[in-house]
Amino acid sequence: MKPIVLLTHTIHPDAMRRLAEEAQVNVATATDQPSLCEQIAQASAVIVRTPLTPAVIRAGTQLKVVARHGVGLDYIPVATCTELGIPVVFTPNANTESVAEYAVGAMIALAHYFGPADRAVRGHAWARREGMVGLDLFGRTLGVLGMGRIGTRVAEICRTAFNMRVLGYDPFLTSEAIKARGADPVDLNELLAQAEFLTLHVPLNDSTHHILNAAAFSHVRQGVFLINAARGGLLDTAALAEAMRAGRVRGAALDVLEDEPPRQDNPLLSIDNIIFTPHSAALTEEALLRMGMDASEDILRVLRGESPLNCANPETLRSAC
């Protein structure tokens, strides 16, 4: 009898076909906690595309591996998995190019007022163009908050294509490591004070939650453009709204929000020069294929008794594999 792999949502068809060669693939019919607790009970593995609670993991009494379809491990209670001896695998290399391209594209769109300009034309307000004088990226200062795979790639693109000066801050890396990845290392306040474009690429955890709060926004360079394609919780929503109304932040591109989808009373929704996308920066054909296949292959490795390639809690592998 084939082991059961539960998917919280469908993944790339090629990856689903690959899983089906060695496992029974079930797609969740609902993703609320009671439904997932019921559906995960007989599963040997689960691929996660929505946040899971510790209760859901504990209901998976047959689980041998949990896979993140993506990079952000905040969707999975890793500590609970580790306590239960369940390996957590993820796909750290799958969406680097896609999200980096999104971040660079967002910089261009903000600097040239793509969002407000589109709305002006659709609203028969052609004359608004006089108030939409943008700026070139060439030679500007980029601040990269988080010099992991994606931040490093963004830095490379902007340095090469636009001759931008790149500053880097990463609470998890040394200055030497940041420099080796192509940025001038600075502390957080210096990054905020100098960056004309600021892009966020750190994981969300207790130490980075609201890393950009009211105090941080008081340090930003006047008129900075902000891009967040990492996690909504990195930003204090109310503080960002106030910073934009005060003109300290000139524009923002937000692929992620603290509440997804946003509540109707989210103060950012009424601010014009914000480009919103629905947590879709990594939703390219190539990234979805890589995420699906990488997650599937690591699941199958664990189910065969082999070690996965990318494990977030490797201390579990001795007992699992």
Protein backbone atom coordinates (compact mmCIF):
# COMPACT_ATOMS: atom_id res chain seq x y z
CA MET A 1 0.00 0.00 0.00
CA LYS A 2 1.38 3.38 -1.00
CA PRO A 3 1.99 6.02 1.71
CA ILE A 4 -0.37 8.99 1.70
CA VAL A 5 0.95 12.47 0.92
CA LEU A 6 -1.49 15.25 1.84
CA LEU A 7 -1.27 18.56 -0.04
CA THR A 8 -2.83 21.61 1.60
CA HIS A 9 -3.23 22.96 -1.96
CA THR A 10 -2.43 21.61 -5.40
CA ILE A 11 1.15 21.95 -6.62
CA HIS A 12 2.68 21.85 -10.12
CA PRO A 13 1.15 18.98 -12.15
CA ASP A 14 4.58 17.49 -12.89
CA ALA A 15 5.32 17.33 -9.18
CA MET A 16 1.96 15.74 -8.42
CA ARG A 17 2.64 13.11 -11.09
CA ARG A 18 6.06 12.46 -9.59
CA LEU A 19 4.58 11.95 -6.13
CA ALA A 20 1.92 9.64 -7.52
CA GLU A 21 4.62 7.27 -8.78
CA GLU A 22 5.45 6.33 -5.18
CA ALA A 23 2.60 7.63 -3.05
CA GLN A 24 -1.13 8.24 -2.88
CA VAL A 25 -1.69 11.97 -3.33
CA ASN A 26 -4.58 13.61 -1.48
CA VAL A 27 -5.45 17.29 -1.82
CA ALA A 28 -7.11 18.84 1.23
CA THR A 29 -10.77 19.57 0.72
CA ALA A 30 -10.63 22.36 3.33
CA THR A 31 -7.82 24.04 5.25
CA ASP A 32 -9.45 25.06 8.52
CA GLN A 33 -7.88 23.42 11.58
CA PRO A 34 -10.58 20.79 12.26
CA SER A 35 -10.63 19.69 8.62
CA LEU A 36 -6.84 19.45 8.41
CA CYS A 37 -6.65 17.56 11.70
CA GLU A 38 -9.03 14.98 10.26
CA GLN A 39 -7.37 14.73 6.84
CA ILE A 40 -3.80 14.54 8.12
CA ALA A 41 -4.49 11.64 10.48
CA GLN A 42 -3.52 8.93 7.97
CA ALA A 43 -0.90 10.90 6.05
CA SER A 44 2.76 9.93 5.99
CA ALA A 45 3.73 13.34 4.61
CA VAL A 46 2.24 16.77 4.05
CA ILE A 47 3.20 19.57 1.67
CA VAL A 48 2.40 22.94 3.20
CA ARG A 49 1.17 26.00 1.33
CA THR A 50 -0.80 27.55 4.21
CA PRO A 51 0.11 28.04 7.88
CA LEU A 52 -0.31 24.92 10.03
CA THR A 53 -0.84 24.93 13.78
CA PRO A 54 0.88 22.59 16.26
CA ALA A 55 -2.48 20.88 16.75
CA VAL A 56 -2.60 19.89 13.08
CA ILE A 57 0.90 18.44 13.24
CA ARG A 58 0.07 16.50 16.39
CA ALA A 59 -3.02 15.08 14.66
CA GLY A 60 -0.74 13.60 12.01
CA THR A 61 0.18 10.56 14.06
CA GLN A 62 1.61 8.78 10.99
CA LEU A 63 3.69 11.70 9.75
CA LYS A 64 7.23 10.93 8.69
CA VAL A 65 8.03 14.26 7.01
CA VAL A 66 6.58 17.78 6.60
CA ALA A 67 7.52 19.78 3.49
CA ARG A 68 7.30 23.51 2.92
CA HIS A 69 6.39 24.43 -0.65
CA GLY A 70 8.67 27.46 -0.55
CA VAL A 71 11.21 29.03 1.78
CA GLY A 72 9.42 30.63 4.73
CA LEU A 73 9.33 28.23 7.66
CA ASP A 74 6.92 30.41 9.63
CA TYR A 75 4.12 28.38 8.00
CA ILE A 76 5.25 25.28 9.93
CA PRO A 77 5.57 24.80 13.71
CA VAL A 78 9.13 23.53 13.37
CA ALA A 79 9.61 23.19 17.13
CA THR A 80 6.60 20.86 17.34
CA CYS A 81 7.90 18.78 14.44
CA THR A 82 11.32 18.55 16.06
CA GLU A 83 9.78 17.51 19.38
CA LEU A 84 7.94 14.72 17.56
CA GLY A 85 11.02 13.68 15.56
CA ILE A 86 9.52 14.74 12.22
CA PRO A 87 11.93 16.20 9.61
CA VAL A 88 10.88 19.50 8.04
CA VAL A 89 12.09 19.93 4.47
CA PHE A 90 11.88 23.07 2.36
CA THR A 91 12.91 24.47 -1.03
CA PRO A 92 15.49 27.24 -0.41
CA ASN A 93 16.71 27.50 -4.00
CA ALA A 94 13.42 27.28 -5.86
CA ASN A 95 12.13 30.85 -5.93
CA THR A 96 15.30 32.96 -5.70
CA GLU A 97 15.24 34.22 -9.29
CA SER A 98 11.48 34.79 -9.37
CA VAL A 99 11.32 36.88 -6.19
CA ALA A 100 14.50 38.78 -7.06
CA GLU A 101 13.00 39.73 -10.43
CA TYR A 102 9.81 40.83 -8.68
CA ALA A 103 11.78 43.08 -6.31
CA VAL A 104 13.70 44.74 -9.14
CA GLY A 105 10.57 45.11 -11.22
CA ALA A 106 8.81 46.69 -8.24
CA MET A 107 11.59 49.26 -7.91
CA ILE A 108 11.14 50.28 -11.53
CA ALA A 109 7.35 50.38 -11.20
CA LEU A 110 7.50 52.56 -8.09
CA ALA A 111 10.12 54.94 -9.44
CA HIS A 112 8.04 55.49 -12.59
CA TYR A 113 4.63 55.57 -10.88
CA PHE A 114 3.20 52.62 -12.80
CA GLY A 115 0.34 52.09 -10.32
CA PRO A 116 -0.98 55.65 -9.99
CA ALA A 117 -0.32 56.33 -13.69
CA ASP A 118 -2.41 53.31 -14.71
CA ARG A 119 -5.23 54.46 -12.45
CA ALA A 120 -5.00 58.00 -13.85
CA VAL A 121 -5.43 56.83 -17.43
CA ARG A 122 -8.30 54.51 -16.54
CA GLY A 123 -9.93 57.35 -14.61
CA HIS A 124 -9.62 59.81 -17.52
CA ALA A 125 -7.23 61.96 -15.46
CA TRP A 126 -4.43 62.36 -18.01
CA ALA A 127 -3.32 65.66 -16.51
CA ARG A 128 -2.18 63.86 -13.36
CA ARG A 129 1.01 63.01 -15.27
CA GLU A 130 2.44 66.41 -14.28
CA GLY A 131 2.49 65.26 -10.65
CA MET A 132 4.14 61.92 -11.44
CA VAL A 133 7.72 62.90 -12.10
CA GLY A 134 9.72 59.79 -11.29
CA LEU A 135 13.41 59.05 -11.06
CA ASP A 136 16.03 56.74 -12.55
CA LEU A 137 17.38 53.78 -10.63
CA PHE A 138 20.82 54.27 -12.17
CA GLY A 139 23.41 55.28 -9.58
CA ARG A 140 20.95 55.27 -6.66
CA THR A 141 21.56 53.68 -3.25
CA LEU A 142 19.89 50.35 -2.57
CA GLY A 143 19.44 49.02 0.94
CA VAL A 144 19.03 45.25 1.22
CA LEU A 145 17.66 44.09 4.57
CA GLY A 146 18.56 40.41 4.51
CA MET A 147 21.48 39.13 2.43
CA GLY A 148 20.37 35.55 1.92
CA ARG A 149 19.87 33.98 -1.50
CA ILE A 150 17.22 36.42 -2.71
CA GLY A 151 18.76 39.55 -1.21
CA THR A 152 22.13 38.63 -2.69
CA ARG A 153 20.59 38.13 -6.14
CA VAL A 154 18.74 41.47 -5.94
CA ALA A 155 22.01 43.15 -5.00
CA GLU A 156 23.77 41.54 -7.97
CA ILE A 157 21.11 42.61 -10.46
CA CYS A 158 20.95 46.19 -9.23
CA ARG A 159 24.71 46.59 -9.02
CA THR A 160 25.24 45.19 -12.52
CA ALA A 161 22.25 46.61 -14.38
CA PHE A 162 21.87 50.00 -12.71
CA ASN A 163 25.29 50.72 -11.17
CA MET A 164 23.58 51.07 -7.83
CA ARG A 165 25.48 51.41 -4.58
CA VAL A 166 24.37 48.45 -2.48
CA LEU A 167 24.24 48.53 1.33
CA GLY A 168 23.45 45.36 3.25
CA TYR A 169 22.22 44.58 6.74
CA ASP A 170 21.51 41.08 7.99
CA PRO A 171 21.08 40.24 11.68
CA PHE A 172 22.16 36.66 11.00
CA LEU A 173 25.37 37.33 9.03
CA THR A 174 28.77 38.80 9.79
CA SER A 175 30.05 41.91 8.06
CA GLU A 176 32.54 39.73 6.18
CA ALA A 177 29.75 37.49 4.88
CA ILE A 178 27.68 40.47 3.75
CA LYS A 179 30.66 41.95 1.93
CA ALA A 180 31.36 38.60 0.24
CA ARG A 181 27.76 38.61 -1.03
CA GLY A 182 28.18 41.92 -2.79
CA ALA A 183 27.07 44.64 -0.38
CA ASP A 184 28.71 47.17 1.90
CA PRO A 185 27.82 46.09 5.46
CA VAL A 186 26.11 48.70 7.64
CA ASP A 187 23.99 48.66 10.78
CA LEU A 188 20.22 48.91 10.53
CA ASN A 189 19.92 52.63 11.28
CA GLU A 190 22.59 53.47 8.72
CA LEU A 191 20.83 51.31 6.13
CA LEU A 192 17.57 53.14 6.78
CA ALA A 193 19.19 56.55 6.72
CA GLN A 194 20.98 56.06 3.39
CA ALA A 195 18.79 53.79 1.25
CA GLU A 196 16.80 55.40 -1.55
CA PHE A 197 15.30 51.98 -2.31
CA LEU A 198 14.84 49.52 0.55
CA THR A 199 14.01 45.86 -0.06
CA LEU A 200 13.25 43.28 2.63
CA HIS A 201 14.51 39.70 2.48
CA VAL A 202 14.78 38.42 6.06
CA PRO A 203 12.74 35.53 7.48
CA LEU A 204 9.93 36.27 9.90
CA ASN A 205 10.63 35.22 13.47
CA ASP A 206 10.49 36.75 16.94
CA SER A 207 13.59 38.86 16.32
CA THR A 208 12.44 40.28 12.97
CA HIS A 209 8.73 40.79 13.68
CA HIS A 210 7.99 44.50 13.05
CA ILE A 211 11.67 45.16 12.36
CA LEU A 212 10.30 48.20 10.55
CA ASN A 213 8.19 49.87 13.22
CA ALA A 214 7.48 53.51 14.07
CA ALA A 215 10.97 53.99 15.53
CA ALA A 216 12.61 52.50 12.43
CA PHE A 217 10.54 54.63 10.07
CA SER A 218 11.71 57.73 11.94
CA HIS A 219 15.23 56.90 10.69
CA VAL A 220 14.45 56.31 7.00
CA ARG A 221 15.74 58.61 4.32
CA GLN A 222 13.04 61.04 3.25
CA GLY A 223 11.27 59.75 0.14
CA VAL A 224 12.50 56.16 0.27
CA PHE A 225 10.83 53.51 -1.88
CA LEU A 226 10.05 50.29 0.01
CA ILE A 227 9.64 46.76 -1.36
CA ASN A 228 8.45 43.82 0.75
CA ALA A 229 8.21 40.42 -0.90
CA ALA A 230 9.23 38.49 2.22
CA ARG A 231 6.66 38.45 5.06
CA GLY A 232 4.01 40.96 6.03
CA GLY A 233 4.89 40.73 9.71
CA LEU A 234 8.23 42.43 9.08
CA LEU A 235 6.32 45.71 8.79
CA ASP A 236 4.13 47.44 11.35
CA THR A 237 1.12 48.25 9.17
CA ALA A 238 0.01 51.34 11.10
CA ALA A 239 3.57 52.68 11.24
CA LEU A 240 4.04 52.26 7.48
CA ALA A 241 0.72 54.01 6.78
CA GLU A 242 1.78 56.94 8.94
CA ALA A 243 5.24 57.10 7.31
CA MET A 244 3.66 57.19 3.85
CA ARG A 245 1.12 59.85 4.79
CA ALA A 246 3.98 61.94 6.21
CA GLY A 247 5.97 61.51 2.99
CA ARG A 248 8.89 59.72 4.63
CA VAL A 249 8.11 56.70 2.43
CA ARG A 250 7.40 57.85 -1.13
CA GLY A 251 6.05 54.57 -2.43
CA ALA A 252 5.78 50.90 -1.55
CA ALA A 253 5.36 47.59 -3.33
CA LEU A 254 3.83 45.01 -1.02
CA ASP A 255 3.49 41.39 -2.05
CA VAL A 256 2.80 40.39 1.56
CA LEU A 257 0.69 41.83 4.36
CA GLU A 258 0.22 41.21 8.07
CA ASP A 259 -3.30 39.93 7.33
CA GLU A 260 -3.83 38.02 4.10
CA PRO A 261 -6.14 38.81 2.47
CA PRO A 262 -6.24 42.32 3.98
CA ARG A 263 -9.14 43.45 6.14
CA GLN A 264 -11.30 46.20 4.70
CA ASP A 265 -10.06 48.63 7.36
CA ASN A 266 -6.38 48.14 6.47
CA PRO A 267 -5.09 51.76 6.33
CA LEU A 268 -2.68 50.98 3.49
CA LEU A 269 -5.52 50.30 1.04
CA SER A 270 -6.42 53.99 0.83
CA ILE A 271 -2.88 55.18 0.03
CA ASP A 272 -2.29 55.79 -3.67
CA ASN A 273 1.36 55.03 -4.38
CA ILE A 274 1.33 51.46 -3.11
CA ILE A 275 1.43 48.54 -5.51
CA PHE A 276 -0.22 45.48 -4.00
CA THR A 277 0.15 41.93 -5.25
CA PRO A 278 -1.48 38.89 -3.58
CA HIS A 279 1.60 37.08 -2.21
CA SER A 280 2.42 36.12 -5.77
CA ALA A 281 6.06 37.13 -6.27
CA ALA A 282 7.12 33.48 -6.41
CA LEU A 283 4.21 32.37 -8.58
CA THR A 284 6.03 31.87 -11.85
CA GLU A 285 5.90 28.73 -13.94
CA GLU A 286 9.55 28.04 -13.26
CA ALA A 287 9.43 28.63 -9.50
CA LEU A 288 6.27 26.57 -9.04
CA LEU A 289 7.87 23.68 -10.89
CA ARG A 290 11.06 23.92 -8.84
CA MET A 291 9.19 24.24 -5.53
CA GLY A 292 6.90 21.33 -6.32
CA MET A 293 9.62 19.02 -7.57
CA ASP A 294 12.12 19.87 -4.83
CA ALA A 295 9.54 19.34 -2.08
CA SER A 296 8.30 16.12 -3.67
CA GLU A 297 11.74 14.61 -4.14
CA ASP A 298 12.74 15.31 -0.55
CA ILE A 299 9.49 13.79 0.71
CA LEU A 300 10.10 10.67 -1.34
CA ARG A 301 13.69 10.47 -0.09
CA VAL A 302 12.50 10.45 3.51
CA LEU A 303 9.72 7.95 2.82
CA ARG A 304 12.32 5.64 1.23
CA GLY A 305 14.49 5.94 4.33
CA GLU A 306 17.02 8.29 2.73
CA SER A 307 18.24 11.70 3.92
CA PRO A 308 16.62 14.78 2.30
CA LEU A 309 18.69 17.46 0.62
CA ASN A 310 17.22 20.43 2.50
CA CYS A 311 16.18 19.86 6.11
CA ALA A 312 15.39 22.63 8.59
CA ASN A 313 15.78 20.40 11.67
CA PRO A 314 18.55 17.92 10.79
CA GLU A 315 18.66 16.65 14.37
CA THR A 316 15.56 14.58 13.49
CA LEU A 317 17.21 12.71 10.63
CA ARG A 318 18.97 10.03 12.64
CA SER A 319 15.66 8.71 13.94
CA ALA A 320 13.69 9.35 10.74
CA CYS A 321 16.01 8.02 8.07
